[in-house]
């Protein structure tokens, strides 16, 4: 799993095998270690909330909650280039776009 930050957008990219784990109800966890003994954890939780996806941030953890049925429908529609996308309202004038996508490449590009 990797996480890409853009202005008011978070893009979570997982492998097909990681998506299969989410379909089974497992969580995905990753940690990036930072200076001074700090770290940033990012987690995708497959759960049964009503929303397709929503974001939480607590204790240096970015947590993407994704509805497991939504994930399973996405898995059944593979391969596809687009991902799951939703917009979460953060405050009256601020939103963040959340994207969950699968890296469907099965082989490395040939160089040169």
C-alpha atoms as a PDB file:
ATOM      1  CA  UNK A   1       0.000   0.000   0.000  1.00  0.00           C
ATOM      2  CA  UNK A   2       1.138   3.514  -0.608  1.00  0.00           C
ATOM      3  CA  UNK A   3      -0.362   6.883   0.114  1.00  0.00           C
ATOM      4  CA  UNK A   4      -0.038   9.973  -2.055  1.00  0.00           C
ATOM      5  CA  UNK A   5      -0.800  13.456  -0.806  1.00  0.00           C
ATOM      6  CA  UNK A   6      -1.973  16.230  -3.102  1.00  0.00           C
ATOM      7  CA  UNK A   7      -3.752  19.463  -2.301  1.00  0.00           C
ATOM      8  CA  UNK A   8      -6.943  18.362  -0.540  1.00  0.00           C
ATOM      9  CA  UNK A   9      -6.636  14.832  -1.934  1.00  0.00           C
ATOM     10  CA  UNK A  10      -5.428  11.549  -0.462  1.00  0.00           C
ATOM     11  CA  UNK A  11      -4.860   8.637  -2.830  1.00  0.00           C
ATOM     12  CA  UNK A  12      -4.464   5.177  -1.321  1.00  0.00           C
ATOM     13  CA  UNK A  13      -3.031   2.669  -3.813  1.00  0.00           C
ATOM     14  CA  UNK A  14      -3.136  -1.036  -2.972  1.00  0.00           C
ATOM     15  CA  UNK A  15      -2.100  -4.197  -4.775  1.00  0.00           C
ATOM     16  CA  UNK A  16      -4.673  -6.725  -5.902  1.00  0.00           C
ATOM     17  CA  UNK A  17      -3.624  -9.079  -3.094  1.00  0.00           C
ATOM     18  CA  UNK A  18      -4.062  -6.272  -0.545  1.00  0.00           C
ATOM     19  CA  UNK A  19      -7.525  -5.587  -1.970  1.00  0.00           C
ATOM     20  CA  UNK A  20      -8.334  -9.278  -1.485  1.00  0.00           C
ATOM     21  CA  UNK A  21      -7.358  -8.944   2.189  1.00  0.00           C
ATOM     22  CA  UNK A  22      -9.723  -5.976   2.524  1.00  0.00           C
ATOM     23  CA  UNK A  23     -12.495  -8.061   0.919  1.00  0.00           C
ATOM     24  CA  UNK A  24     -11.934 -10.637   3.668  1.00  0.00           C
ATOM     25  CA  UNK A  25     -12.366  -7.942   6.325  1.00  0.00           C
ATOM     26  CA  UNK A  26      -8.678  -7.515   7.202  1.00  0.00           C
ATOM     27  CA  UNK A  27      -7.167  -4.087   7.799  1.00  0.00           C
ATOM     28  CA  UNK A  28      -4.114  -2.827   5.939  1.00  0.00           C
ATOM     29  CA  UNK A  29      -1.486  -0.989   7.982  1.00  0.00           C
ATOM     30  CA  UNK A  30       1.644   0.862   6.952  1.00  0.00           C
ATOM     31  CA  UNK A  31       4.056   3.020   8.924  1.00  0.00           C
ATOM     32  CA  UNK A  32       6.522   5.686   7.822  1.00  0.00           C
ATOM     33  CA  UNK A  33       9.196   6.536  10.368  1.00  0.00           C
ATOM     34  CA  UNK A  34      10.171  10.186  10.764  1.00  0.00           C
ATOM     35  CA  UNK A  35      12.891  12.123  12.601  1.00  0.00           C
ATOM     36  CA  UNK A  36      12.972  12.379  16.385  1.00  0.00           C
ATOM     37  CA  UNK A  37      11.379   8.969  16.899  1.00  0.00           C
ATOM     38  CA  UNK A  38       8.096  10.042  15.305  1.00  0.00           C
ATOM     39  CA  UNK A  39       6.050   8.064  12.825  1.00  0.00           C
ATOM     40  CA  UNK A  40       2.973   8.371  10.665  1.00  0.00           C
ATOM     41  CA  UNK A  41       0.698   5.370  10.361  1.00  0.00           C
ATOM     42  CA  UNK A  42      -1.852   4.948   7.617  1.00  0.00           C
ATOM     43  CA  UNK A  43      -4.534   2.346   7.811  1.00  0.00           C
ATOM     44  CA  UNK A  44      -7.375   1.145   5.615  1.00  0.00           C
ATOM     45  CA  UNK A  45     -10.166  -0.462   7.605  1.00  0.00           C
ATOM     46  CA  UNK A  46     -12.787  -2.574   5.879  1.00  0.00           C
ATOM     47  CA  UNK A  47     -15.962  -2.142   7.883  1.00  0.00           C
ATOM     48  CA  UNK A  48     -19.709  -1.850   7.603  1.00  0.00           C
ATOM     49  CA  UNK A  49     -20.270   1.902   7.948  1.00  0.00           C
ATOM     50  CA  UNK A  50     -22.958   3.378   5.728  1.00  0.00           C
ATOM     51  CA  UNK A  51     -20.595   5.711   3.897  1.00  0.00           C
ATOM     52  CA  UNK A  52     -18.576   4.312   1.006  1.00  0.00           C
ATOM     53  CA  UNK A  53     -15.405   5.795   2.526  1.00  0.00           C
ATOM     54  CA  UNK A  54     -14.482   8.379   5.131  1.00  0.00           C
ATOM     55  CA  UNK A  55     -11.310   9.591   6.770  1.00  0.00           C
ATOM     56  CA  UNK A  56     -10.245   9.977  10.379  1.00  0.00           C
ATOM     57  CA  UNK A  57      -7.024  11.334  11.815  1.00  0.00           C
ATOM     58  CA  UNK A  58      -5.982  10.576  15.380  1.00  0.00           C
ATOM     59  CA  UNK A  59      -2.715   9.972  17.246  1.00  0.00           C
ATOM     60  CA  UNK A  60      -0.553  10.354  14.098  1.00  0.00           C
ATOM     61  CA  UNK A  61      -2.714   7.844  12.252  1.00  0.00           C
ATOM     62  CA  UNK A  62      -4.554   8.446   8.997  1.00  0.00           C
ATOM     63  CA  UNK A  63      -7.431   5.984   8.907  1.00  0.00           C
ATOM     64  CA  UNK A  64      -9.480   5.373   5.783  1.00  0.00           C
ATOM     65  CA  UNK A  65     -12.710   3.564   6.599  1.00  0.00           C
ATOM     66  CA  UNK A  66     -14.066   1.782   3.536  1.00  0.00           C
ATOM     67  CA  UNK A  67     -17.370  -0.049   3.390  1.00  0.00           C
ATOM     68  CA  UNK A  68     -16.614  -3.729   2.813  1.00  0.00           C
ATOM     69  CA  UNK A  69     -19.506  -4.189   0.366  1.00  0.00           C
ATOM     70  CA  UNK A  70     -18.230  -1.224  -1.640  1.00  0.00           C
ATOM     71  CA  UNK A  71     -14.758  -2.829  -1.685  1.00  0.00           C
ATOM     72  CA  UNK A  72     -16.147  -6.182  -2.844  1.00  0.00           C
ATOM     73  CA  UNK A  73     -18.077  -4.526  -5.702  1.00  0.00           C
ATOM     74  CA  UNK A  74     -14.888  -2.735  -6.696  1.00  0.00           C
ATOM     75  CA  UNK A  75     -12.930  -6.003  -6.652  1.00  0.00           C
ATOM     76  CA  UNK A  76     -15.554  -7.695  -8.854  1.00  0.00           C
ATOM     77  CA  UNK A  77     -15.213  -4.892 -11.413  1.00  0.00           C
ATOM     78  CA  UNK A  78     -11.435  -5.313 -11.886  1.00  0.00           C
ATOM     79  CA  UNK A  79      -9.411  -4.735 -13.971  1.00  0.00           C
ATOM     80  CA  UNK A  80     -10.080  -1.037 -14.311  1.00  0.00           C
ATOM     81  CA  UNK A  81      -7.963   2.077 -14.265  1.00  0.00           C
ATOM     82  CA  UNK A  82     -10.175   4.287 -12.120  1.00  0.00           C
ATOM     83  CA  UNK A  83     -10.542   3.832  -8.400  1.00  0.00           C
ATOM     84  CA  UNK A  84     -13.168   4.404  -5.777  1.00  0.00           C
ATOM     85  CA  UNK A  85     -13.569   8.097  -5.077  1.00  0.00           C
ATOM     86  CA  UNK A  86     -15.566  10.149  -2.629  1.00  0.00           C
ATOM     87  CA  UNK A  87     -15.473  13.679  -1.250  1.00  0.00           C
ATOM     88  CA  UNK A  88     -15.632  14.227   2.495  1.00  0.00           C
ATOM     89  CA  UNK A  89     -16.718  17.558   3.942  1.00  0.00           C
ATOM     90  CA  UNK A  90     -14.302  18.701   6.628  1.00  0.00           C
ATOM     91  CA  UNK A  91     -15.811  22.078   7.483  1.00  0.00           C
ATOM     92  CA  UNK A  92     -18.138  24.653   5.986  1.00  0.00           C
ATOM     93  CA  UNK A  93     -15.688  25.643   3.224  1.00  0.00           C
ATOM     94  CA  UNK A  94     -13.282  22.692   3.113  1.00  0.00           C
ATOM     95  CA  UNK A  95     -13.434  19.225   1.588  1.00  0.00           C
ATOM     96  CA  UNK A  96     -10.995  16.418   0.919  1.00  0.00           C
ATOM     97  CA  UNK A  97     -11.092  13.929  -1.941  1.00  0.00           C
ATOM     98  CA  UNK A  98     -10.441  10.307  -0.967  1.00  0.00           C
ATOM     99  CA  UNK A  99      -9.378   7.789  -3.604  1.00  0.00           C
ATOM    100  CA  UNK A 100      -8.788   4.059  -3.249  1.00  0.00           C
ATOM    101  CA  UNK A 101      -7.222   2.480  -6.300  1.00  0.00           C
ATOM    102  CA  UNK A 102      -5.622  -0.805  -7.249  1.00  0.00           C
ATOM    103  CA  UNK A 103      -2.298  -1.173  -8.984  1.00  0.00           C
ATOM    104  CA  UNK A 104      -3.374  -3.599 -11.712  1.00  0.00           C
ATOM    105  CA  UNK A 105       0.011  -3.824 -13.386  1.00  0.00           C
ATOM    106  CA  UNK A 106       1.044  -7.480 -13.478  1.00  0.00           C
ATOM    107  CA  UNK A 107       4.545  -7.025 -14.806  1.00  0.00           C
ATOM    108  CA  UNK A 108       7.263  -4.411 -14.778  1.00  0.00           C
ATOM    109  CA  UNK A 109       7.772  -2.202 -17.789  1.00  0.00           C
ATOM    110  CA  UNK A 110      10.657  -3.141 -20.029  1.00  0.00           C
ATOM    111  CA  UNK A 111      13.381  -0.527 -20.089  1.00  0.00           C
ATOM    112  CA  UNK A 112      15.003   0.862 -23.052  1.00  0.00           C
END
